[in-house]
N, C-alpha and C. Protein backbone atom coordinates (compact mmCIF):
# COMPACT_ATOMS: atom_id res chain seq x y z
N MET A 1 21.26 10.79 59.15
CA MET A 1 20.55 11.57 60.08
C MET A 1 20.74 11.44 61.43
N ASN A 2 20.92 12.43 62.15
CA ASN A 2 21.23 12.42 63.62
C ASN A 2 20.03 11.59 64.21
N LYS A 3 20.36 10.56 65.06
CA LYS A 3 19.45 9.72 65.73
C LYS A 3 18.16 10.53 66.41
N ILE A 4 18.52 11.40 67.28
CA ILE A 4 17.37 12.06 68.06
C ILE A 4 16.60 12.69 66.99
N ILE A 5 17.15 13.40 65.91
CA ILE A 5 16.01 13.96 64.82
C ILE A 5 15.18 12.81 64.23
N GLU A 6 15.82 11.62 63.83
CA GLU A 6 15.06 10.42 63.40
C GLU A 6 13.86 9.90 64.45
N ASP A 7 14.31 10.20 65.80
CA ASP A 7 13.28 9.79 66.76
C ASP A 7 12.23 10.68 67.10
N LEU A 8 12.39 12.10 66.79
CA LEU A 8 11.71 13.09 66.68
C LEU A 8 10.65 12.98 65.40
N ASN A 9 11.33 12.56 64.41
CA ASN A 9 10.19 12.36 63.23
C ASN A 9 9.39 11.09 63.16
N TRP A 10 10.11 10.18 64.08
CA TRP A 10 9.38 8.97 64.36
C TRP A 10 7.81 9.31 65.37
N ARG A 11 8.18 10.22 66.08
CA ARG A 11 7.13 10.36 67.19
C ARG A 11 5.82 11.27 66.71
N TYR A 12 4.90 10.85 67.00
CA TYR A 12 3.55 11.81 66.63
C TYR A 12 2.65 11.31 67.65
N ALA A 13 1.53 12.23 67.70
CA ALA A 13 0.48 12.17 68.84
C ALA A 13 -0.30 10.96 68.40
N VAL A 14 -0.12 9.78 69.19
CA VAL A 14 -0.83 8.51 68.73
C VAL A 14 -2.36 8.73 69.01
N LYS A 15 -3.20 8.25 68.17
CA LYS A 15 -4.51 8.37 68.22
C LYS A 15 -5.26 6.92 68.60
N LYS A 16 -4.35 5.78 68.33
CA LYS A 16 -4.84 4.44 68.90
C LYS A 16 -3.68 3.59 69.30
N PHE A 17 -3.93 3.22 70.45
CA PHE A 17 -2.97 2.65 71.28
C PHE A 17 -3.17 1.14 71.08
N ASP A 18 -2.11 0.29 71.02
CA ASP A 18 -2.19 -1.44 71.04
C ASP A 18 -2.89 -1.52 72.47
N THR A 19 -3.76 -2.10 72.79
CA THR A 19 -4.17 -2.31 74.26
C THR A 19 -3.47 -3.83 74.64
N ASN A 20 -2.77 -4.41 74.01
CA ASN A 20 -1.95 -5.58 74.29
C ASN A 20 -0.72 -5.62 74.61
N ARG A 21 -0.16 -4.30 74.51
CA ARG A 21 1.30 -4.14 74.66
C ARG A 21 1.28 -2.83 75.88
N LYS A 22 2.29 -3.43 76.64
CA LYS A 22 2.41 -2.51 78.14
C LYS A 22 3.80 -2.08 78.20
N VAL A 23 4.32 -1.22 78.59
CA VAL A 23 5.50 -0.48 78.82
C VAL A 23 5.95 -1.23 80.16
N ASN A 24 7.06 -2.03 80.10
CA ASN A 24 7.55 -2.71 81.08
C ASN A 24 8.12 -1.74 82.29
N ILE A 25 8.24 -2.55 83.40
CA ILE A 25 8.85 -1.55 84.73
C ILE A 25 9.96 -0.93 84.56
N ILE A 26 10.95 -1.51 83.62
CA ILE A 26 12.19 -0.86 83.79
C ILE A 26 12.05 0.18 82.77
N ASP A 27 11.46 0.12 81.59
CA ASP A 27 11.37 1.39 80.88
C ASP A 27 10.40 2.47 81.59
N LEU A 28 9.63 2.07 82.43
CA LEU A 28 8.77 2.95 83.10
C LEU A 28 9.45 3.83 84.12
N GLU A 29 10.43 3.10 84.71
CA GLU A 29 11.11 3.78 85.65
C GLU A 29 12.12 4.54 84.93
N THR A 30 12.58 4.15 83.73
CA THR A 30 13.50 5.21 82.84
C THR A 30 12.82 6.42 82.69
N LEU A 31 11.50 6.46 82.08
CA LEU A 31 10.62 7.62 81.90
C LEU A 31 10.48 8.29 83.22
N ILE A 32 10.14 7.83 84.22
CA ILE A 32 10.08 8.41 85.46
C ILE A 32 11.27 9.24 86.00
N GLU A 33 12.49 8.54 85.86
CA GLU A 33 13.65 9.20 86.26
C GLU A 33 14.14 10.44 85.34
N ALA A 34 13.77 10.13 83.99
CA ALA A 34 14.26 11.42 83.02
C ALA A 34 13.10 12.41 83.42
N THR A 35 11.99 12.22 83.80
CA THR A 35 10.89 13.31 84.15
C THR A 35 11.49 13.95 85.40
N ARG A 36 11.84 13.16 86.35
CA ARG A 36 12.48 13.77 87.51
C ARG A 36 13.58 14.62 87.51
N LEU A 37 14.40 14.20 86.40
CA LEU A 37 15.70 15.08 86.13
C LEU A 37 15.47 16.32 85.14
N SER A 38 14.37 16.69 84.79
CA SER A 38 14.00 17.58 83.98
C SER A 38 14.23 18.81 84.66
N ALA A 39 14.52 19.83 83.83
CA ALA A 39 14.80 21.40 84.24
C ALA A 39 13.56 21.95 84.74
N SER A 40 13.60 22.76 85.60
CA SER A 40 12.51 23.73 86.15
C SER A 40 13.16 24.98 86.70
N SER A 41 12.17 25.91 86.71
CA SER A 41 12.66 27.46 87.18
C SER A 41 13.33 27.29 88.65
N TYR A 42 14.35 27.64 88.97
CA TYR A 42 14.89 27.86 90.00
C TYR A 42 15.32 26.03 90.68
N GLY A 43 14.81 25.21 89.88
CA GLY A 43 14.86 23.83 90.32
C GLY A 43 13.84 23.31 91.24
N LEU A 44 12.70 24.28 91.29
CA LEU A 44 11.68 23.85 92.10
C LEU A 44 10.71 22.78 92.06
N GLN A 45 10.48 22.56 90.68
CA GLN A 45 9.66 21.31 90.45
C GLN A 45 8.30 21.56 91.20
N PRO A 46 7.63 22.41 90.74
CA PRO A 46 6.24 22.63 91.62
C PRO A 46 5.09 21.96 91.03
N TYR A 47 5.41 20.71 90.94
CA TYR A 47 4.29 19.85 90.43
C TYR A 47 4.24 18.31 90.89
N HIS A 48 3.22 17.93 90.70
CA HIS A 48 3.07 16.23 91.11
C HIS A 48 2.51 15.71 90.10
N ILE A 49 2.98 14.29 89.65
CA ILE A 49 2.47 13.56 88.61
C ILE A 49 1.85 12.17 89.07
N PHE A 50 0.53 12.08 88.47
CA PHE A 50 0.09 10.66 88.95
C PHE A 50 0.04 9.88 87.64
N ILE A 51 0.47 8.58 87.90
CA ILE A 51 0.66 7.49 86.94
C ILE A 51 -0.42 6.47 87.49
N ILE A 52 -1.26 6.27 86.29
CA ILE A 52 -2.59 5.72 86.57
C ILE A 52 -2.42 4.51 85.63
N GLU A 53 -2.78 3.30 86.42
CA GLU A 53 -2.95 1.92 85.45
C GLU A 53 -4.34 1.46 85.88
N ASP A 54 -4.92 1.89 87.00
CA ASP A 54 -6.26 1.38 87.49
C ASP A 54 -7.32 1.37 86.40
N GLU A 55 -7.82 0.43 85.87
CA GLU A 55 -8.73 0.44 84.58
C GLU A 55 -10.17 1.35 85.06
N LYS A 56 -10.65 1.28 86.30
CA LYS A 56 -11.84 1.66 86.72
C LYS A 56 -11.52 3.06 86.94
N ILE A 57 -10.53 3.63 87.31
CA ILE A 57 -10.26 5.10 87.45
C ILE A 57 -10.06 5.69 86.04
N ARG A 58 -9.55 4.80 84.97
CA ARG A 58 -9.35 5.36 83.74
C ARG A 58 -10.45 5.40 83.07
N GLU A 59 -11.39 4.49 83.23
CA GLU A 59 -12.80 4.49 82.53
C GLU A 59 -13.61 5.75 82.90
N GLU A 60 -13.60 6.23 84.34
CA GLU A 60 -14.28 7.37 84.67
C GLU A 60 -13.57 8.60 84.11
N LEU A 61 -12.14 8.61 84.11
CA LEU A 61 -11.54 9.83 83.52
C LEU A 61 -11.76 9.87 82.24
N ARG A 62 -12.13 8.80 81.28
CA ARG A 62 -12.39 8.77 79.88
C ARG A 62 -13.81 9.78 79.85
N LYS A 63 -14.67 9.23 80.43
CA LYS A 63 -15.91 10.11 80.56
C LYS A 63 -15.57 11.73 80.41
N HIS A 64 -14.69 12.10 80.87
CA HIS A 64 -14.53 13.44 81.25
C HIS A 64 -13.47 14.00 80.22
N SER A 65 -13.02 13.10 79.52
CA SER A 65 -11.99 13.43 78.45
C SER A 65 -12.45 13.33 76.95
N TRP A 66 -13.65 13.74 76.85
CA TRP A 66 -14.16 14.00 75.35
C TRP A 66 -14.24 12.48 74.83
N ASN A 67 -14.29 11.26 75.52
CA ASN A 67 -14.48 9.91 75.31
C ASN A 67 -13.15 9.45 74.45
N GLN A 68 -12.10 10.27 74.68
CA GLN A 68 -10.85 9.90 73.94
C GLN A 68 -10.26 8.39 74.22
N SER A 69 -10.26 7.62 73.40
CA SER A 69 -9.69 6.09 73.50
C SER A 69 -8.13 5.99 74.19
N GLN A 70 -7.40 7.15 73.79
CA GLN A 70 -6.02 6.97 74.53
C GLN A 70 -6.19 6.74 75.94
N ILE A 71 -7.23 7.57 76.62
CA ILE A 71 -7.21 7.41 78.24
C ILE A 71 -7.46 6.14 78.73
N THR A 72 -8.06 5.18 78.03
CA THR A 72 -8.22 3.94 78.84
C THR A 72 -7.33 2.81 77.95
N ASP A 73 -6.72 3.13 76.71
CA ASP A 73 -6.11 2.10 75.75
C ASP A 73 -4.60 1.93 75.90
N ALA A 74 -4.07 3.31 76.46
CA ALA A 74 -2.79 3.43 76.55
C ALA A 74 -2.11 2.44 77.78
N SER A 75 -1.04 2.31 77.77
CA SER A 75 -0.16 1.40 78.73
C SER A 75 -0.39 2.08 80.05
N HIS A 76 -0.03 3.28 80.11
CA HIS A 76 -0.16 4.02 81.31
C HIS A 76 -0.76 5.41 80.91
N LEU A 77 -1.24 5.91 81.93
CA LEU A 77 -1.76 7.21 81.90
C LEU A 77 -1.01 8.43 82.97
N MET A 78 -0.40 9.50 82.61
CA MET A 78 0.13 10.20 83.14
C MET A 78 -0.48 11.58 83.37
N VAL A 79 -0.97 12.01 84.69
CA VAL A 79 -1.92 13.39 85.09
C VAL A 79 -0.63 14.15 85.75
N PHE A 80 -0.41 15.28 84.96
CA PHE A 80 0.34 16.33 85.56
C PHE A 80 -0.55 17.24 86.26
N THR A 81 -0.03 17.54 87.49
CA THR A 81 -0.96 18.59 88.39
C THR A 81 0.16 19.72 88.76
N ILE A 82 -0.63 20.74 88.97
CA ILE A 82 0.28 21.96 89.76
C ILE A 82 -0.38 22.26 90.96
N LYS A 83 0.46 22.89 91.72
CA LYS A 83 -0.35 23.68 92.98
C LYS A 83 -0.81 24.88 92.48
N GLU A 84 -1.91 25.14 92.69
CA GLU A 84 -2.57 26.40 92.26
C GLU A 84 -2.30 27.49 93.05
N SER A 85 -1.77 27.59 94.16
CA SER A 85 -1.08 28.60 95.01
C SER A 85 -0.14 27.98 95.92
N PHE A 86 0.90 28.73 96.35
CA PHE A 86 1.88 28.38 97.07
C PHE A 86 2.32 29.33 97.93
N GLY A 87 3.01 28.99 99.16
CA GLY A 87 3.47 30.06 100.14
C GLY A 87 5.04 29.64 99.92
N GLU A 88 5.62 30.18 101.07
CA GLU A 88 7.05 29.98 101.38
C GLU A 88 7.69 28.64 101.53
N GLU A 89 6.95 27.91 101.92
CA GLU A 89 6.90 26.22 101.99
C GLU A 89 7.45 25.55 100.76
N LEU A 90 7.21 26.16 99.59
CA LEU A 90 7.58 25.47 98.51
C LEU A 90 9.27 25.81 98.36
N ILE A 91 9.61 26.95 98.61
CA ILE A 91 11.09 27.34 98.68
C ILE A 91 11.92 26.62 99.71
N ASP A 92 11.08 26.57 101.04
CA ASP A 92 11.79 25.99 102.20
C ASP A 92 12.03 24.74 101.94
N ASP A 93 11.12 23.84 101.34
CA ASP A 93 11.26 22.50 100.94
C ASP A 93 12.32 22.17 100.15
N TYR A 94 12.64 23.20 99.14
CA TYR A 94 13.71 22.98 98.19
C TYR A 94 14.98 23.25 98.71
N ILE A 95 14.97 24.34 99.74
CA ILE A 95 16.28 24.52 100.28
C ILE A 95 16.61 23.45 101.29
N ASP A 96 15.85 22.94 101.84
CA ASP A 96 16.13 21.66 102.92
C ASP A 96 16.69 20.54 101.96
N ASN A 97 16.20 20.39 100.91
CA ASN A 97 16.53 19.45 99.91
C ASN A 97 18.19 19.65 99.74
N VAL A 98 18.22 20.86 99.00
CA VAL A 98 19.66 21.23 98.68
C VAL A 98 20.67 21.09 100.04
N VAL A 99 20.31 21.43 101.11
CA VAL A 99 21.19 21.16 102.05
C VAL A 99 21.59 19.87 102.47
N LYS A 100 20.52 18.97 102.45
CA LYS A 100 20.75 17.42 102.52
C LYS A 100 21.46 16.97 101.38
N THR A 101 21.22 17.42 100.13
CA THR A 101 21.93 16.51 99.28
C THR A 101 23.17 16.86 98.96
N ARG A 102 23.66 18.31 99.25
CA ARG A 102 24.83 18.81 98.88
C ARG A 102 25.77 18.71 100.08
N ASP A 103 25.09 18.27 101.36
CA ASP A 103 25.81 18.42 102.61
C ASP A 103 26.56 19.80 102.91
N ILE A 104 25.70 20.96 102.95
CA ILE A 104 26.03 22.18 103.05
C ILE A 104 25.26 22.73 104.15
N SER A 105 25.61 23.92 104.59
CA SER A 105 24.65 24.64 105.61
C SER A 105 23.47 25.54 105.05
N SER A 106 22.64 25.48 105.99
CA SER A 106 21.49 26.25 105.18
C SER A 106 21.97 27.80 105.16
N GLU A 107 22.63 28.37 105.75
CA GLU A 107 23.15 29.39 105.85
C GLU A 107 24.02 29.87 104.77
N SER A 108 24.31 28.84 104.10
CA SER A 108 25.31 29.19 102.59
C SER A 108 24.32 29.20 101.56
N VAL A 109 23.07 28.90 101.76
CA VAL A 109 22.08 29.26 100.64
C VAL A 109 20.99 30.18 101.11
N MET A 110 21.18 30.76 102.15
CA MET A 110 20.00 31.90 102.61
C MET A 110 19.83 32.80 101.58
N GLY A 111 20.81 33.18 101.16
CA GLY A 111 20.76 34.52 100.03
C GLY A 111 19.72 34.03 98.96
N TYR A 112 20.35 32.82 98.32
CA TYR A 112 19.51 32.40 97.32
C TYR A 112 17.90 31.92 97.61
N SER A 113 17.57 31.53 98.90
CA SER A 113 16.36 31.27 99.40
C SER A 113 15.47 32.56 99.24
N ASN A 114 16.35 33.68 99.93
CA ASN A 114 15.67 35.10 99.98
C ASN A 114 15.29 35.52 98.61
N PHE A 115 16.37 35.33 97.57
CA PHE A 115 16.03 35.79 96.38
C PHE A 115 14.79 35.04 95.67
N MET A 116 14.75 33.95 95.76
CA MET A 116 13.52 33.26 95.22
C MET A 116 12.18 33.79 95.78
N LYS A 117 12.22 33.99 97.24
CA LYS A 117 11.04 34.21 97.83
C LYS A 117 10.82 35.96 97.47
N SER A 118 11.68 36.54 96.85
CA SER A 118 11.47 37.98 96.52
C SER A 118 10.89 38.01 95.30
N LYS A 119 11.09 36.85 94.52
CA LYS A 119 10.77 36.93 93.24
C LYS A 119 9.21 36.16 92.99
N LEU A 120 9.12 35.34 93.93
CA LEU A 120 7.80 34.36 93.70
C LEU A 120 6.76 34.80 94.59
N MET A 121 7.04 35.39 95.88
CA MET A 121 6.14 35.36 97.14
C MET A 121 4.83 36.40 96.55
N GLY A 122 5.48 37.54 95.85
CA GLY A 122 4.47 38.72 95.78
C GLY A 122 3.60 38.44 94.38
N LEU A 123 3.81 37.31 93.84
CA LEU A 123 2.95 37.15 92.81
C LEU A 123 1.33 36.72 93.00
N PRO A 124 0.46 37.32 92.53
CA PRO A 124 -0.78 37.02 92.57
C PRO A 124 -1.19 35.62 92.17
N ASN A 125 -2.09 34.96 92.93
CA ASN A 125 -2.21 33.54 92.59
C ASN A 125 -2.51 33.11 91.06
N GLU A 126 -2.98 33.89 90.22
CA GLU A 126 -3.10 33.80 88.92
C GLU A 126 -1.84 33.32 88.34
N LEU A 127 -0.86 34.33 88.40
CA LEU A 127 0.54 34.36 87.91
C LEU A 127 1.37 33.25 88.55
N LYS A 128 1.11 32.74 89.97
CA LYS A 128 1.92 31.69 90.37
C LYS A 128 1.42 30.21 89.64
N SER A 129 -0.20 30.36 89.40
CA SER A 129 -0.57 29.12 88.65
C SER A 129 -0.06 29.05 87.40
N SER A 130 0.02 30.28 86.42
CA SER A 130 0.85 30.28 85.20
C SER A 130 1.95 29.87 85.23
N TRP A 131 2.72 30.32 86.21
CA TRP A 131 4.26 29.87 86.49
C TRP A 131 4.41 28.38 86.72
N THR A 132 3.67 27.85 87.57
CA THR A 132 3.84 26.26 87.68
C THR A 132 3.43 25.68 86.56
N SER A 133 2.55 26.15 85.76
CA SER A 133 2.00 25.30 84.53
C SER A 133 3.26 25.28 83.74
N ARG A 134 3.97 26.34 83.38
CA ARG A 134 5.04 26.24 82.51
C ARG A 134 6.32 25.35 83.02
N GLN A 135 6.30 25.05 84.18
CA GLN A 135 7.24 24.11 84.63
C GLN A 135 6.89 22.82 84.29
N VAL A 136 5.70 22.54 84.39
CA VAL A 136 4.86 21.30 83.89
C VAL A 136 5.27 20.84 82.61
N TYR A 137 5.21 21.94 81.55
CA TYR A 137 5.36 21.54 80.29
C TYR A 137 6.99 21.56 79.77
N LEU A 138 7.68 21.98 80.57
CA LEU A 138 9.31 21.53 80.62
C LEU A 138 9.16 20.13 80.82
N ALA A 139 8.74 19.70 82.11
CA ALA A 139 8.85 18.14 82.12
C ALA A 139 8.23 17.21 81.15
N LEU A 140 6.87 17.56 80.70
CA LEU A 140 6.29 16.91 79.64
C LEU A 140 7.14 16.76 78.30
N GLY A 141 7.57 18.01 77.94
CA GLY A 141 8.38 17.97 76.87
C GLY A 141 9.67 17.12 76.79
N ASN A 142 10.18 16.97 78.00
CA ASN A 142 11.38 16.35 78.15
C ASN A 142 11.07 14.76 77.95
N LEU A 143 10.00 14.35 78.96
CA LEU A 143 9.37 12.99 79.02
C LEU A 143 9.10 12.46 77.55
N MET A 144 8.49 13.15 76.69
CA MET A 144 7.96 12.89 75.42
C MET A 144 9.50 12.66 74.33
N THR A 145 10.42 13.44 74.69
CA THR A 145 11.57 13.23 73.95
C THR A 145 12.21 12.06 74.36
N VAL A 146 12.46 11.55 75.56
CA VAL A 146 12.95 10.57 76.03
C VAL A 146 12.22 9.16 75.55
N ALA A 147 10.83 9.31 75.77
CA ALA A 147 9.96 8.17 75.29
C ALA A 147 10.50 7.78 73.65
N ALA A 148 10.35 8.96 72.80
CA ALA A 148 10.58 8.78 71.58
C ALA A 148 12.06 7.99 71.45
N SER A 149 13.03 8.40 72.08
CA SER A 149 14.18 7.75 72.07
C SER A 149 14.16 6.27 72.29
N MET A 150 13.43 5.87 73.15
CA MET A 150 13.28 4.60 73.44
C MET A 150 12.09 3.75 72.70
N LYS A 151 11.48 4.41 71.72
CA LYS A 151 10.45 4.02 70.65
C LYS A 151 9.20 3.62 71.75
N ILE A 152 8.99 4.25 72.63
CA ILE A 152 7.59 4.31 73.38
C ILE A 152 6.72 5.37 72.96
N ASP A 153 5.64 5.20 72.61
CA ASP A 153 4.72 6.34 72.05
C ASP A 153 4.15 7.05 73.23
N THR A 154 3.72 8.40 72.80
CA THR A 154 2.80 9.31 73.83
C THR A 154 1.97 10.02 72.85
N CYS A 155 0.97 10.36 73.84
CA CYS A 155 0.10 11.53 73.28
C CYS A 155 -0.37 12.44 74.27
N PRO A 156 -0.13 13.53 74.20
CA PRO A 156 -0.58 14.83 75.19
C PRO A 156 -1.90 14.95 74.93
N ILE A 157 -2.70 15.41 76.20
CA ILE A 157 -4.09 15.63 75.82
C ILE A 157 -4.33 16.75 76.88
N GLU A 158 -4.99 17.80 76.10
CA GLU A 158 -5.36 18.89 76.94
C GLU A 158 -7.00 19.07 77.18
N GLY A 159 -7.70 17.96 76.24
CA GLY A 159 -8.94 17.98 76.29
C GLY A 159 -9.47 17.19 77.32
N PHE A 160 -9.71 17.81 78.42
CA PHE A 160 -10.45 17.09 79.45
C PHE A 160 -10.93 18.05 80.36
N GLU A 161 -11.80 17.66 81.25
CA GLU A 161 -12.38 18.57 82.15
C GLU A 161 -11.69 18.58 83.56
N ASN A 162 -10.82 19.47 83.60
CA ASN A 162 -9.97 19.31 84.73
C ASN A 162 -10.48 19.39 86.14
N GLU A 163 -11.80 20.07 86.35
CA GLU A 163 -12.29 19.89 87.69
C GLU A 163 -12.96 18.56 88.03
N LYS A 164 -13.34 17.67 86.94
CA LYS A 164 -13.78 16.34 87.26
C LYS A 164 -12.45 15.54 87.58
N TYR A 165 -11.44 15.95 87.03
CA TYR A 165 -10.15 15.04 87.32
C TYR A 165 -9.73 15.19 88.65
N ASN A 166 -9.83 16.67 88.86
CA ASN A 166 -9.66 16.97 90.38
C ASN A 166 -10.35 16.28 91.34
N GLU A 167 -11.71 16.37 90.99
CA GLU A 167 -12.67 15.46 92.02
C GLU A 167 -12.44 13.96 91.96
N LEU A 168 -12.42 13.30 90.80
CA LEU A 168 -12.13 12.10 90.95
C LEU A 168 -10.71 11.30 91.43
N LEU A 169 -9.67 12.16 91.46
CA LEU A 169 -8.45 11.84 91.82
C LEU A 169 -8.23 12.49 93.33
N GLY A 170 -9.19 13.21 93.73
CA GLY A 170 -9.04 13.82 95.27
C GLY A 170 -7.95 14.95 95.05
N LEU A 171 -7.86 15.77 94.22
CA LEU A 171 -6.69 16.65 94.18
C LEU A 171 -7.06 18.01 95.07
N LYS A 172 -8.25 18.25 95.11
CA LYS A 172 -8.54 19.51 95.82
C LYS A 172 -8.10 19.57 97.17
N ASP A 173 -8.19 18.53 97.85
CA ASP A 173 -7.57 18.59 99.29
C ASP A 173 -6.13 18.71 99.52
N SER A 174 -5.49 18.46 98.38
CA SER A 174 -3.80 18.61 98.16
C SER A 174 -3.49 19.96 97.56
N ASN A 175 -4.54 20.97 97.29
CA ASN A 175 -4.07 22.07 96.53
C ASN A 175 -3.64 21.85 95.24
N LEU A 176 -4.07 20.77 94.43
CA LEU A 176 -3.49 20.60 93.29
C LEU A 176 -4.46 20.77 92.18
N ASN A 177 -3.79 20.61 90.98
CA ASN A 177 -5.06 21.01 89.65
C ASN A 177 -4.48 20.21 88.50
N ALA A 178 -5.19 19.28 88.07
CA ALA A 178 -4.86 18.56 86.85
C ALA A 178 -4.78 19.62 85.49
N ILE A 179 -3.42 19.67 84.89
CA ILE A 179 -3.12 20.55 83.96
C ILE A 179 -3.02 19.94 82.47
N VAL A 180 -2.32 18.81 82.50
CA VAL A 180 -2.28 18.39 81.20
C VAL A 180 -2.01 16.79 81.31
N VAL A 181 -2.49 16.06 80.52
CA VAL A 181 -2.44 14.30 80.73
C VAL A 181 -1.54 13.70 79.45
N LEU A 182 -0.68 12.81 79.68
CA LEU A 182 0.13 12.15 78.80
C LEU A 182 -0.20 10.54 78.60
N ALA A 183 -0.83 10.09 77.57
CA ALA A 183 -0.99 8.71 77.55
C ALA A 183 0.21 8.21 76.93
N VAL A 184 0.72 6.92 77.44
CA VAL A 184 2.08 6.37 77.16
C VAL A 184 1.76 4.86 76.78
N GLY A 185 2.44 4.40 75.94
CA GLY A 185 2.30 3.00 75.26
C GLY A 185 2.95 2.98 73.96
N TYR A 186 2.27 2.18 73.17
CA TYR A 186 2.74 1.67 71.99
C TYR A 186 1.55 1.81 70.82
N ARG A 187 1.75 2.32 69.62
CA ARG A 187 1.02 2.62 68.71
C ARG A 187 0.31 1.42 68.11
N ALA A 188 -1.19 1.22 67.86
CA ALA A 188 -1.69 0.28 67.25
C ALA A 188 -1.23 0.38 65.66
N SER A 189 -1.15 -0.92 65.10
CA SER A 189 -1.07 -1.11 63.62
C SER A 189 -2.07 -0.26 62.77
N SER A 190 -3.23 -0.36 63.42
CA SER A 190 -4.38 0.42 62.55
C SER A 190 -4.46 1.87 62.65
N ASP A 191 -3.52 2.31 63.41
CA ASP A 191 -3.61 3.77 63.63
C ASP A 191 -3.12 4.36 62.26
N GLU A 192 -3.90 4.95 61.38
CA GLU A 192 -3.45 5.49 60.13
C GLU A 192 -2.57 6.96 60.48
N THR A 193 -2.91 7.54 61.37
CA THR A 193 -2.34 8.71 61.35
C THR A 193 -0.52 8.65 61.44
N GLN A 194 -0.11 7.41 61.99
CA GLN A 194 1.38 7.29 61.93
C GLN A 194 2.09 7.23 60.42
N HIS A 195 1.13 7.28 59.53
CA HIS A 195 1.77 7.06 58.04
C HIS A 195 1.74 8.37 57.40
N LEU A 196 1.06 9.29 58.23
CA LEU A 196 0.96 10.71 57.66
C LEU A 196 2.34 11.58 57.89
N PRO A 197 2.66 12.52 56.83
CA PRO A 197 3.92 13.25 56.66
C PRO A 197 3.72 14.24 58.06
N LYS A 198 4.62 14.47 58.70
CA LYS A 198 4.87 15.55 59.76
C LYS A 198 4.84 16.85 59.23
N VAL A 199 3.91 17.38 59.94
CA VAL A 199 3.67 18.90 59.39
C VAL A 199 4.46 20.05 60.24
N ARG A 200 5.25 20.66 59.96
CA ARG A 200 5.84 21.63 60.79
C ARG A 200 6.30 22.62 59.91
N TYR A 201 6.29 24.02 60.41
CA TYR A 201 6.85 25.16 59.62
C TYR A 201 8.27 24.95 59.21
N PRO A 202 8.82 25.41 58.18
CA PRO A 202 10.21 25.52 57.77
C PRO A 202 11.01 26.21 58.86
N LYS A 203 12.45 26.02 58.99
CA LYS A 203 13.32 26.79 59.74
C LYS A 203 13.14 28.05 59.72
N GLU A 204 13.37 28.50 58.48
CA GLU A 204 13.28 29.87 58.01
C GLU A 204 12.09 30.79 58.78
N ARG A 205 11.00 30.17 58.99
CA ARG A 205 9.81 30.87 59.54
C ARG A 205 9.83 30.96 61.18
N LEU A 206 10.57 29.94 61.59
CA LEU A 206 10.69 29.56 63.10
C LEU A 206 11.95 30.39 63.64
N PHE A 207 12.96 30.44 62.96
CA PHE A 207 14.24 31.00 63.92
C PHE A 207 14.74 32.12 62.84
N THR A 208 15.29 32.91 63.65
CA THR A 208 16.23 34.19 63.16
C THR A 208 17.33 34.17 63.91
N HIS A 209 18.56 34.16 63.05
CA HIS A 209 19.80 34.32 63.44
C HIS A 209 20.22 35.83 63.39
N LEU A 210 20.86 36.26 64.59
CA LEU A 210 21.20 37.80 64.69
C LEU A 210 22.80 37.61 64.77
C-alpha cells in the first residue's frame, strides 16, 4: 500500500491524548512550515493561527469547549482564526510580499492586484467570512495530512463557543474570529477509538469519472 494511504488509514480523530508525550520543537516547526506552505485562494492566506501551550489558558478554553479533554491534554492546541471582514489592505499586503519576495516592480503585478480587488472587495461581509473560512480548512487539512505522515496525532474540533474563545484570546480588537481548533499530540494507549475500523463511503459513491 502507498505510504500516504497507510498514513491516512492510521490517522483518526483522537479522543484521548497521552499527557506525558510532547511534540518536540523540530517536529512542531515542520508542522508550522507545512501549514505556512498550504494553498489558499489567490495565495492570500487570510487567517491567523494561535499555537497554545499555556495550561491556564487551555483550562479556560476547555470550559467553553464542551469540556473536551483534548483541549488540555494534547501537546499543543492550535486555534485557527479568520478576519471577519477585510478591505483592500489584505490584497495590498500580499502584493507587497510578492514584490519583495520575487524582486519585481509593483507595476508588474498591478493588474493582478486590481483583478483580486474586483473579485473580493464587492462581497458582503458574510460572504467574505465564508470565503476566509474555506481558506482555513485548506490549511487545516494540509496540516493534518502532514502530521499523519509524521505519526503525530490530531483531532479537529468545531465544538466550542467561538465568542468565548474570541474573548479569552483577545481576538475582537484584531478583527479575528476563531473558526476551528486542532489538538496536536500523541494518542493515549487507552483510547479505544484507535482500534475501530475507519468508516468511509466507497469510491463508487464519492467519485464519478466522466
